[in-house]
C-alpha atoms as a PDB file:
ATOM      1  CA  MET A   1     -10.937   1.726  14.204  1.00  0.00           C
ATOM      2  CA  LYS A   2     -11.988   5.015  15.725  1.00  0.00           C
ATOM      3  CA  THR A   3     -13.921   6.259  12.707  1.00  0.00           C
ATOM      4  CA  LYS A   4     -16.604   4.425  10.802  1.00  0.00           C
ATOM      5  CA  SER A   5     -17.483   7.016   8.167  1.00  0.00           C
ATOM      6  CA  ILE A   6     -17.235   6.202   4.478  1.00  0.00           C
ATOM      7  CA  ILE A   7     -15.924   8.936   2.206  1.00  0.00           C
ATOM      8  CA  PRO A   8     -17.757   9.166  -1.127  1.00  0.00           C
ATOM      9  CA  GLY A   9     -15.829   8.788  -4.372  1.00  0.00           C
ATOM     10  CA  VAL A  10     -14.337  11.941  -5.826  1.00  0.00           C
ATOM     11  CA  ILE A  11     -15.866  12.985  -9.154  1.00  0.00           C
ATOM     12  CA  ILE A  12     -13.293  13.413 -11.897  1.00  0.00           C
ATOM     13  CA  LEU A  13     -13.319  13.706 -15.667  1.00  0.00           C
ATOM     14  CA  LEU A  14     -12.478  10.593 -17.611  1.00  0.00           C
ATOM     15  CA  ALA A  15     -11.941   9.967 -21.289  1.00  0.00           C
ATOM     16  CA  SER A  16     -14.100   7.162 -22.657  1.00  0.00           C
ATOM     17  CA  ILE A  17     -11.935   4.028 -22.808  1.00  0.00           C
ATOM     18  CA  SER A  18     -12.329   0.315 -22.330  1.00  0.00           C
ATOM     19  CA  ALA A  19     -11.430  -1.097 -18.911  1.00  0.00           C
ATOM     20  CA  GLY A  20     -12.116  -4.735 -18.122  1.00  0.00           C
ATOM     21  CA  GLY A  21     -14.375  -4.897 -21.165  1.00  0.00           C
ATOM     22  CA  GLN A  22     -16.567  -2.042 -19.922  1.00  0.00           C
ATOM     23  CA  ASP A  23     -16.762   1.479 -21.367  1.00  0.00           C
ATOM     24  CA  LEU A  24     -16.224   4.153 -18.731  1.00  0.00           C
ATOM     25  CA  GLN A  25     -18.545   7.135 -18.852  1.00  0.00           C
ATOM     26  CA  VAL A  26     -17.194  10.626 -19.503  1.00  0.00           C
ATOM     27  CA  LYS A  27     -18.153  11.591 -15.951  1.00  0.00           C
ATOM     28  CA  GLN A  28     -17.686   8.874 -13.353  1.00  0.00           C
ATOM     29  CA  SER A  29     -16.589   8.635  -9.753  1.00  0.00           C
ATOM     30  CA  LEU A  30     -13.550   6.633  -8.772  1.00  0.00           C
ATOM     31  CA  ALA A  31     -15.821   4.451  -6.684  1.00  0.00           C
ATOM     32  CA  GLU A  32     -17.783   3.469  -9.819  1.00  0.00           C
ATOM     33  CA  ILE A  33     -14.849   2.071 -11.807  1.00  0.00           C
ATOM     34  CA  GLU A  34     -15.609  -1.340 -13.271  1.00  0.00           C
ATOM     35  CA  TRP A  35     -13.220  -3.511 -11.265  1.00  0.00           C
ATOM     36  CA  ASN A  36     -12.125  -6.989 -12.222  1.00  0.00           C
ATOM     37  CA  ILE A  37     -12.671  -8.929  -8.990  1.00  0.00           C
ATOM     38  CA  LYS A  38     -11.315 -12.337  -8.045  1.00  0.00           C
ATOM     39  CA  ASN A  39     -12.077 -14.149  -4.797  1.00  0.00           C
ATOM     40  CA  ILE A  40      -8.815 -15.387  -3.306  1.00  0.00           C
ATOM     41  CA  THR A  41     -10.263 -16.959  -0.158  1.00  0.00           C
ATOM     42  CA  ALA A  42     -13.084 -16.181   2.252  1.00  0.00           C
ATOM     43  CA  GLY A  43     -12.701 -12.526   3.177  1.00  0.00           C
ATOM     44  CA  VAL A  44      -9.959 -11.726   0.640  1.00  0.00           C
ATOM     45  CA  ILE A  45     -10.448 -10.355  -2.862  1.00  0.00           C
ATOM     46  CA  LEU A  46      -8.087  -9.183  -5.584  1.00  0.00           C
ATOM     47  CA  LYS A  47      -9.353  -6.165  -7.517  1.00  0.00           C
ATOM     48  CA  SER A  48      -7.732  -4.724 -10.627  1.00  0.00           C
ATOM     49  CA  ALA A  49      -8.608  -1.998 -13.096  1.00  0.00           C
ATOM     50  CA  ARG A  50      -7.129  -0.129 -16.018  1.00  0.00           C
ATOM     51  CA  ALA A  51      -8.674   3.264 -16.651  1.00  0.00           C
ATOM     52  CA  ARG A  52      -7.958   6.785 -17.715  1.00  0.00           C
ATOM     53  CA  LEU A  53      -8.029   8.733 -14.446  1.00  0.00           C
ATOM     54  CA  PHE A  54      -6.728  12.211 -13.669  1.00  0.00           C
ATOM     55  CA  ASP A  55      -6.185  12.671 -17.420  1.00  0.00           C
ATOM     56  CA  SER A  56      -3.625   9.850 -17.374  1.00  0.00           C
ATOM     57  CA  ASP A  57      -3.387   6.100 -17.951  1.00  0.00           C
ATOM     58  CA  GLN A  58      -3.680   4.100 -14.750  1.00  0.00           C
ATOM     59  CA  ALA A  59      -3.342   0.458 -13.717  1.00  0.00           C
ATOM     60  CA  ILE A  60      -4.454  -0.313 -10.165  1.00  0.00           C
ATOM     61  CA  TYR A  61      -4.246  -3.516  -8.121  1.00  0.00           C
ATOM     62  CA  VAL A  62      -5.840  -4.012  -4.700  1.00  0.00           C
ATOM     63  CA  VAL A  63      -5.895  -6.834  -2.169  1.00  0.00           C
ATOM     64  CA  GLU A  64      -8.777  -6.175   0.236  1.00  0.00           C
ATOM     65  CA  THR A  65      -9.203  -8.223   3.410  1.00  0.00           C
ATOM     66  CA  ASP A  66     -12.253  -8.435   5.646  1.00  0.00           C
ATOM     67  CA  THR A  67     -10.697  -9.907   8.786  1.00  0.00           C
ATOM     68  CA  THR A  68     -14.129 -10.790  10.207  1.00  0.00           C
ATOM     69  CA  ALA A  69     -14.598 -13.399   7.451  1.00  0.00           C
ATOM     70  CA  GLY A  70     -11.764 -15.677   8.513  1.00  0.00           C
ATOM     71  CA  ARG A  71      -8.694 -16.082  10.681  1.00  0.00           C
ATOM     72  CA  PHE A  72      -5.749 -14.030   9.482  1.00  0.00           C
ATOM     73  CA  GLU A  73      -2.385 -12.706  10.580  1.00  0.00           C
ATOM     74  CA  ILE A  74      -1.187  -9.373   9.239  1.00  0.00           C
ATOM     75  CA  GLY A  75       2.418  -8.500   9.872  1.00  0.00           C
ATOM     76  CA  VAL A  76       5.824  -7.271   8.774  1.00  0.00           C
ATOM     77  CA  ALA A  77       8.803  -9.274   7.581  1.00  0.00           C
ATOM     78  CA  ALA A  78      12.311  -7.853   7.246  1.00  0.00           C
ATOM     79  CA  GLY A  79      15.757  -9.261   6.655  1.00  0.00           C
ATOM     80  CA  ASP A  80      19.437  -8.428   6.746  1.00  0.00           C
ATOM     81  CA  LYS A  81      19.563  -7.977   2.985  1.00  0.00           C
ATOM     82  CA  ALA A  82      17.206  -6.985   0.209  1.00  0.00           C
ATOM     83  CA  ILE A  83      15.385  -9.714  -1.714  1.00  0.00           C
ATOM     84  CA  VAL A  84      12.416  -9.540  -4.057  1.00  0.00           C
ATOM     85  CA  THR A  85       8.927  -9.316  -2.567  1.00  0.00           C
ATOM     86  CA  SER A  86       7.747 -12.595  -4.097  1.00  0.00           C
ATOM     87  CA  ALA A  87      10.696 -14.453  -2.535  1.00  0.00           C
ATOM     88  CA  TYR A  88      10.000 -12.861   0.851  1.00  0.00           C
ATOM     89  CA  ALA A  89       6.353 -13.838   0.568  1.00  0.00           C
ATOM     90  CA  ALA A  90       7.061 -17.405  -0.513  1.00  0.00           C
ATOM     91  CA  GLY A  91       9.574 -17.801   2.316  1.00  0.00           C
ATOM     92  CA  GLU A  92       7.028 -16.571   4.854  1.00  0.00           C
ATOM     93  CA  GLY A  93       4.279 -18.782   3.394  1.00  0.00           C
ATOM     94  CA  VAL A  94       1.862 -15.859   3.125  1.00  0.00           C
ATOM     95  CA  LEU A  95      -1.281 -15.338   1.088  1.00  0.00           C
ATOM     96  CA  ALA A  96      -0.509 -11.775  -0.027  1.00  0.00           C
ATOM     97  CA  ALA A  97       2.244  -9.205   0.419  1.00  0.00           C
ATOM     98  CA  ILE A  98       3.308  -5.739  -0.639  1.00  0.00           C
ATOM     99  CA  ASN A  99       6.749  -4.160  -0.565  1.00  0.00           C
ATOM    100  CA  GLY A 100       7.575  -2.272   2.612  1.00  0.00           C
ATOM    101  CA  THR A 101       9.277   0.955   3.619  1.00  0.00           C
ATOM    102  CA  PHE A 102      12.071   3.048   2.140  1.00  0.00           C
ATOM    103  CA  PHE A 103      15.638   1.809   2.218  1.00  0.00           C
ATOM    104  CA  ASN A 104      19.225   2.596   1.321  1.00  0.00           C
ATOM    105  CA  MET A 105      19.407   1.260  -2.224  1.00  0.00           C
ATOM    106  CA  GLU A 106      23.200   1.027  -2.224  1.00  0.00           C
ATOM    107  CA  LYS A 107      23.492  -0.993   0.980  1.00  0.00           C
ATOM    108  CA  GLY A 108      20.012  -2.526   1.159  1.00  0.00           C
ATOM    109  CA  TYR A 109      18.961  -1.615   4.713  1.00  0.00           C
ATOM    110  CA  ASN A 110      15.705  -0.012   5.893  1.00  0.00           C
ATOM    111  CA  VAL A 111      16.005   3.708   6.725  1.00  0.00           C
ATOM    112  CA  HIS A 112      12.886   3.661   8.932  1.00  0.00           C
ATOM    113  CA  TYR A 113      11.837   1.979  12.163  1.00  0.00           C
ATOM    114  CA  VAL A 114      10.757  -1.634  11.677  1.00  0.00           C
ATOM    115  CA  LYS A 115       9.622  -4.062  14.365  1.00  0.00           C
ATOM    116  CA  VAL A 116       9.109  -7.777  13.720  1.00  0.00           C
ATOM    117  CA  ASP A 117       7.825 -10.257  16.335  1.00  0.00           C
ATOM    118  CA  ASP A 118       8.396  -7.741  19.158  1.00  0.00           C
ATOM    119  CA  THR A 119      11.997  -7.117  18.058  1.00  0.00           C
ATOM    120  CA  VAL A 120      13.176  -3.770  16.649  1.00  0.00           C
ATOM    121  CA  VAL A 121      15.210  -4.587  13.539  1.00  0.00           C
ATOM    122  CA  SER A 122      15.872  -1.044  12.271  1.00  0.00           C
ATOM    123  CA  VAL A 123      15.507   2.562  13.407  1.00  0.00           C
ATOM    124  CA  THR A 124      14.739   5.777  11.564  1.00  0.00           C
ATOM    125  CA  ASP A 125      17.488   7.894  10.030  1.00  0.00           C
ATOM    126  CA  GLU A 126      17.296  11.392  11.514  1.00  0.00           C
ATOM    127  CA  ASN A 127      16.906  13.116   8.130  1.00  0.00           C
ATOM    128  CA  GLU A 128      13.783  11.055   7.360  1.00  0.00           C
ATOM    129  CA  TYR A 129      11.618  12.574  10.106  1.00  0.00           C
ATOM    130  CA  GLY A 130       9.000  15.036   8.901  1.00  0.00           C
ATOM    131  CA  ILE A 131       9.529  14.037   5.264  1.00  0.00           C
ATOM    132  CA  ARG A 132       8.761  10.353   4.706  1.00  0.00           C
ATOM    133  CA  ALA A 133       8.846   8.907   8.229  1.00  0.00           C
ATOM    134  CA  THR A 134       5.557  10.469   9.314  1.00  0.00           C
ATOM    135  CA  GLY A 135       3.330   7.413   9.799  1.00  0.00           C
ATOM    136  CA  VAL A 136       3.392   3.940  11.290  1.00  0.00           C
ATOM    137  CA  PHE A 137       1.473   0.770  10.467  1.00  0.00           C
ATOM    138  CA  THR A 138       1.116  -1.574  13.438  1.00  0.00           C
ATOM    139  CA  ALA A 139      -0.177  -5.131  13.537  1.00  0.00           C
ATOM    140  CA  THR A 140      -0.820  -7.774  16.168  1.00  0.00           C
ATOM    141  CA  GLY A 141      -2.594 -10.762  14.690  1.00  0.00           C
ATOM    142  CA  GLU A 142      -5.630  -9.307  12.907  1.00  0.00           C
ATOM    143  CA  ALA A 143      -5.570  -6.022  14.833  1.00  0.00           C
ATOM    144  CA  VAL A 144      -4.047  -3.227  12.738  1.00  0.00           C
ATOM    145  CA  ASP A 145      -3.745   0.535  12.939  1.00  0.00           C
ATOM    146  CA  ILE A 146      -2.216   3.487  11.131  1.00  0.00           C
ATOM    147  CA  ALA A 147      -1.052   6.481  13.154  1.00  0.00           C
ATOM    148  CA  SER A 148       1.290   9.465  13.067  1.00  0.00           C
ATOM    149  CA  TRP A 149       4.987   9.054  13.873  1.00  0.00           C
ATOM    150  CA  GLY A 150       7.887  11.246  14.897  1.00  0.00           C
ATOM    151  CA  PRO A 151      11.154  11.209  16.840  1.00  0.00           C
ATOM    152  CA  GLU A 152       9.406  11.703  20.187  1.00  0.00           C
ATOM    153  CA  ARG A 153       7.376   8.549  19.763  1.00  0.00           C
ATOM    154  CA  GLU A 154      10.339   6.536  18.508  1.00  0.00           C
ATOM    155  CA  ASP A 155      12.595   7.801  21.312  1.00  0.00           C
ATOM    156  CA  ALA A 156       9.989   6.757  23.881  1.00  0.00           C
ATOM    157  CA  GLY A 157      10.786   3.172  22.905  1.00  0.00           C
ATOM    158  CA  TYR A 158       7.309   1.817  23.585  1.00  0.00           C
ATOM    159  CA  LEU A 159       5.006   0.521  20.901  1.00  0.00           C
ATOM    160  CA  ASN A 160       2.288  -1.904  21.942  1.00  0.00           C
ATOM    161  CA  ALA A 161       2.246  -4.045  18.804  1.00  0.00           C
ATOM    162  CA  GLU A 162       4.057  -7.172  17.699  1.00  0.00           C
ATOM    163  CA  ASP A 163       4.908  -5.775  14.270  1.00  0.00           C
ATOM    164  CA  ALA A 164       5.340  -2.213  13.065  1.00  0.00           C
ATOM    165  CA  ILE A 165       6.720  -0.380  10.061  1.00  0.00           C
ATOM    166  CA  VAL A 166       7.326   3.359   9.783  1.00  0.00           C
ATOM    167  CA  THR A 167       6.884   4.914   6.347  1.00  0.00           C
ATOM    168  CA  GLY A 168       5.059   7.752   4.678  1.00  0.00           C
ATOM    169  CA  PRO A 169       4.021  10.326   4.125  1.00  0.00           C
ATOM    170  CA  LEU A 170       0.950   9.654   6.246  1.00  0.00           C
ATOM    171  CA  LEU A 171      -1.898  10.819   4.013  1.00  0.00           C
ATOM    172  CA  THR A 172      -5.037  10.353   6.139  1.00  0.00           C
ATOM    173  CA  ASP A 173      -5.465   9.513   9.828  1.00  0.00           C
ATOM    174  CA  ASN A 174      -8.833   8.652  11.398  1.00  0.00           C
ATOM    175  CA  GLY A 175     -10.663  10.203   8.462  1.00  0.00           C
ATOM    176  CA  LYS A 176      -8.685  13.467   8.490  1.00  0.00           C
ATOM    177  CA  ASP A 177      -6.436  14.289   5.548  1.00  0.00           C
ATOM    178  CA  ILE A 178      -2.908  15.240   6.577  1.00  0.00           C
ATOM    179  CA  ALA A 179      -1.284  18.224   4.865  1.00  0.00           C
ATOM    180  CA  ILE A 180       1.617  17.273   2.594  1.00  0.00           C
ATOM    181  CA  ASP A 181       4.004  19.582   0.749  1.00  0.00           C
ATOM    182  CA  SER A 182       3.967  20.076  -3.014  1.00  0.00           C
ATOM    183  CA  THR A 183       7.436  18.615  -3.438  1.00  0.00           C
ATOM    184  CA  ASN A 184       8.305  16.782  -6.646  1.00  0.00           C
ATOM    185  CA  PHE A 185       8.123  13.457  -4.790  1.00  0.00           C
ATOM    186  CA  ASN A 186       4.553  14.213  -3.701  1.00  0.00           C
ATOM    187  CA  LYS A 187       3.140  15.959  -6.786  1.00  0.00           C
ATOM    188  CA  ASN A 188       4.778  14.045  -9.645  1.00  0.00           C
ATOM    189  CA  ARG A 189       3.366  10.763 -10.927  1.00  0.00           C
ATOM    190  CA  HIS A 190       5.209   7.607  -9.940  1.00  0.00           C
ATOM    191  CA  PRO A 191       4.392   3.955  -9.269  1.00  0.00           C
ATOM    192  CA  ARG A 192       2.967   3.851  -5.729  1.00  0.00           C
ATOM    193  CA  SER A 193       2.431   1.320  -2.936  1.00  0.00           C
ATOM    194  CA  LEU A 194      -0.077   1.988  -0.187  1.00  0.00           C
ATOM    195  CA  LEU A 195      -1.618   0.615   2.981  1.00  0.00           C
ATOM    196  CA  GLY A 196      -5.194   1.565   3.758  1.00  0.00           C
ATOM    197  CA  ILE A 197      -7.810   0.757   6.393  1.00  0.00           C
ATOM    198  CA  THR A 198     -11.504   1.348   5.736  1.00  0.00           C
ATOM    199  CA  GLY A 199     -14.188   2.543   8.109  1.00  0.00           C
ATOM    200  CA  GLU A 200     -15.349  -1.074   8.489  1.00  0.00           C
ATOM    201  CA  GLY A 201     -11.830  -2.208   9.319  1.00  0.00           C
ATOM    202  CA  HIS A 202     -10.986  -3.809   5.974  1.00  0.00           C
ATOM    203  CA  VAL A 203      -7.251  -3.794   5.239  1.00  0.00           C
ATOM    204  CA  LEU A 204      -6.117  -2.800   1.748  1.00  0.00           C
ATOM    205  CA  PHE A 205      -2.784  -3.383   0.013  1.00  0.00           C
ATOM    206  CA  ILE A 206      -2.757  -1.118  -3.061  1.00  0.00           C
ATOM    207  CA  ALA A 207      -0.263  -1.024  -5.933  1.00  0.00           C
ATOM    208  CA  VAL A 208      -0.459   1.614  -8.669  1.00  0.00           C
ATOM    209  CA  ASP A 209       1.798   0.974 -11.643  1.00  0.00           C
ATOM    210  CA  GLY A 210       3.591   3.787 -13.466  1.00  0.00           C
ATOM    211  CA  ARG A 211       6.462   4.997 -15.641  1.00  0.00           C
ATOM    212  CA  GLN A 212       5.154   2.792 -18.478  1.00  0.00           C
ATOM    213  CA  SER A 213       3.844   4.917 -21.343  1.00  0.00           C
ATOM    214  CA  GLY A 214       0.612   3.638 -22.867  1.00  0.00           C
ATOM    215  CA  TYR A 215      -0.070   1.365 -19.911  1.00  0.00           C
ATOM    216  CA  ALA A 216       0.315   3.290 -16.655  1.00  0.00           C
ATOM    217  CA  ASP A 217       1.604   6.752 -15.773  1.00  0.00           C
ATOM    218  CA  GLY A 218       1.422   6.414 -11.993  1.00  0.00           C
ATOM    219  CA  MET A 219      -0.107   8.835  -9.498  1.00  0.00           C
ATOM    220  CA  SER A 220       0.854  11.789  -7.367  1.00  0.00           C
ATOM    221  CA  LEU A 221       0.283  11.349  -3.646  1.00  0.00           C
ATOM    222  CA  PHE A 222      -2.667  13.724  -3.910  1.00  0.00           C
ATOM    223  CA  GLU A 223      -4.249  11.501  -6.569  1.00  0.00           C
ATOM    224  CA  LEU A 224      -3.334   8.374  -4.620  1.00  0.00           C
ATOM    225  CA  ARG A 225      -5.205   9.696  -1.603  1.00  0.00           C
ATOM    226  CA  GLN A 226      -8.301  10.334  -3.722  1.00  0.00           C
ATOM    227  CA  LEU A 227      -8.126   6.757  -4.998  1.00  0.00           C
ATOM    228  CA  ALA A 228      -7.837   5.332  -1.480  1.00  0.00           C
ATOM    229  CA  ARG A 229     -10.667   7.553  -0.257  1.00  0.00           C
ATOM    230  CA  SER A 230     -12.896   6.273  -3.064  1.00  0.00           C
ATOM    231  CA  LEU A 231     -12.186   2.724  -1.850  1.00  0.00           C
ATOM    232  CA  GLY A 232     -13.469   3.642   1.619  1.00  0.00           C
ATOM    233  CA  CYS A 233     -10.119   4.156   3.339  1.00  0.00           C
ATOM    234  CA  THR A 234     -10.149   6.427   6.365  1.00  0.00           C
ATOM    235  CA  GLU A 235      -6.514   5.679   7.250  1.00  0.00           C
ATOM    236  CA  ILE A 236      -3.987   5.933   4.408  1.00  0.00           C
ATOM    237  CA  LEU A 237      -0.222   5.436   4.525  1.00  0.00           C
ATOM    238  CA  ASN A 238       2.201   5.632   1.604  1.00  0.00           C
ATOM    239  CA  LEU A 239       4.893   2.966   1.263  1.00  0.00           C
ATOM    240  CA  ASP A 240       8.065   2.917  -0.815  1.00  0.00           C
ATOM    241  CA  GLY A 241       7.059   3.157  -4.464  1.00  0.00           C
ATOM    242  CA  GLY A 242       8.799   3.602  -7.780  1.00  0.00           C
ATOM    243  CA  GLY A 243      10.625   0.497  -8.908  1.00  0.00           C
ATOM    244  CA  SER A 244       9.884  -1.134  -5.543  1.00  0.00           C
ATOM    245  CA  THR A 245       6.115  -1.260  -6.092  1.00  0.00           C
ATOM    246  CA  THR A 246       5.162  -4.949  -6.051  1.00  0.00           C
ATOM    247  CA  LEU A 247       1.937  -6.684  -5.030  1.00  0.00           C
ATOM    248  CA  TYR A 248       2.034 -10.444  -4.485  1.00  0.00           C
ATOM    249  CA  VAL A 249      -0.845 -12.923  -4.276  1.00  0.00           C
ATOM    250  CA  LYS A 250      -0.072 -16.612  -3.787  1.00  0.00           C
ATOM    251  CA  GLY A 251      -0.874 -18.730  -6.827  1.00  0.00           C
ATOM    252  CA  GLU A 252      -1.310 -15.845  -9.249  1.00  0.00           C
ATOM    253  CA  GLY A 253       0.707 -15.997 -12.463  1.00  0.00           C
ATOM    254  CA  VAL A 254       4.197 -17.449 -12.482  1.00  0.00           C
ATOM    255  CA  SER A 255       5.664 -15.765  -9.406  1.00  0.00           C
ATOM    256  CA  GLY A 256       2.562 -14.424  -7.652  1.00  0.00           C
ATOM    257  CA  VAL A 257       3.252 -10.817  -8.700  1.00  0.00           C
ATOM    258  CA  VAL A 258      -0.017  -9.327  -9.981  1.00  0.00           C
ATOM    259  CA  ASN A 259       1.173  -5.875 -11.078  1.00  0.00           C
ATOM    260  CA  LYS A 260       3.904  -4.867 -13.540  1.00  0.00           C
ATOM    261  CA  PRO A 261       6.923  -3.400 -11.703  1.00  0.00           C
ATOM    262  CA  SER A 262       8.297  -0.398 -13.573  1.00  0.00           C
ATOM    263  CA  GLY A 263      11.796  -1.860 -13.916  1.00  0.00           C
ATOM    264  CA  ARG A 264      10.363  -4.865 -15.828  1.00  0.00           C
ATOM    265  CA  ALA A 265      11.491  -7.048 -12.940  1.00  0.00           C
ATOM    266  CA  GLU A 266      11.026  -7.021  -9.184  1.00  0.00           C
ATOM    267  CA  ARG A 267      13.366  -4.794  -7.218  1.00  0.00           C
ATOM    268  CA  PRO A 268      14.928  -6.427  -4.141  1.00  0.00           C
ATOM    269  CA  VAL A 269      13.622  -4.804  -0.928  1.00  0.00           C
ATOM    270  CA  PRO A 270      14.487  -5.354   2.755  1.00  0.00           C
ATOM    271  CA  SER A 271      10.910  -5.384   4.122  1.00  0.00           C
ATOM    272  CA  ILE A 272       7.348  -6.382   3.257  1.00  0.00           C
ATOM    273  CA  VAL A 273       3.898  -6.192   4.811  1.00  0.00           C
ATOM    274  CA  PHE A 274       2.041  -9.490   4.545  1.00  0.00           C
ATOM    275  CA  LEU A 275      -1.293 -11.221   4.951  1.00  0.00           C
ATOM    276  CA  LYS A 276      -1.369 -14.825   6.145  1.00  0.00           C
ATOM    277  CA  LYS A 277      -4.423 -17.064   6.451  1.00  0.00           C
ATOM    278  CA  ILE A 278      -4.565 -19.098   9.647  1.00  0.00           C
ATOM    279  CA  GLU A 279      -5.924 -22.549   8.925  1.00  0.00           C
END
């Protein structure tokens, strides 16, 4: 990655509650939350926390991968029809996965550019540019990047990566926060899915639950960016959220889903971003 700086946790006011058996202090940084941490395999951890952040109930789930600690493949999977994230992940034989980009819920197709194994499987709807289709996540083996996206780049037809998925809004690029509008989609609290890359090159899949009173309210994109910053992310890209938000880890629970989707069941989606361990 181009930048190696670590952004310190943002100080916010918290009510004193119990999270993972630990009492949070009245004043505490996001970076000092008491996380429940589980080692999944060498270089991969699952972190989870429930806390009262931003004067709201929050439930956060993170898969963090240090690609220097093992051999991994990070990529994108997409199909002709929407299926649930856990089924996608099981079919691909992956270690972890998160739901992908936005899609037409009536017909089940991606509305943004997606490239899988050097093949473009969908393109961006014109009305998505400048609103949600403002960033791209690219992956070739273990090499990943997050960058800005627009019609000029898509029309050029050249992207030097095996896999790519356009989504957004792009929140932070190379350590610089990107301005986003105060639209209801951005400022209201919803379940959120996120891709992040830290200054050391760790790759984060982040799911924030929401729309579940007493358990999780969800986050605005402004709050989501603060969370990702506190986790060391210098590149931050929003994925489809809401009822689509699903984080999968192989072997966890009954289906591998570690968060609680807001619809009480997984929503079928036409794309995922995955992590695979190479044996």
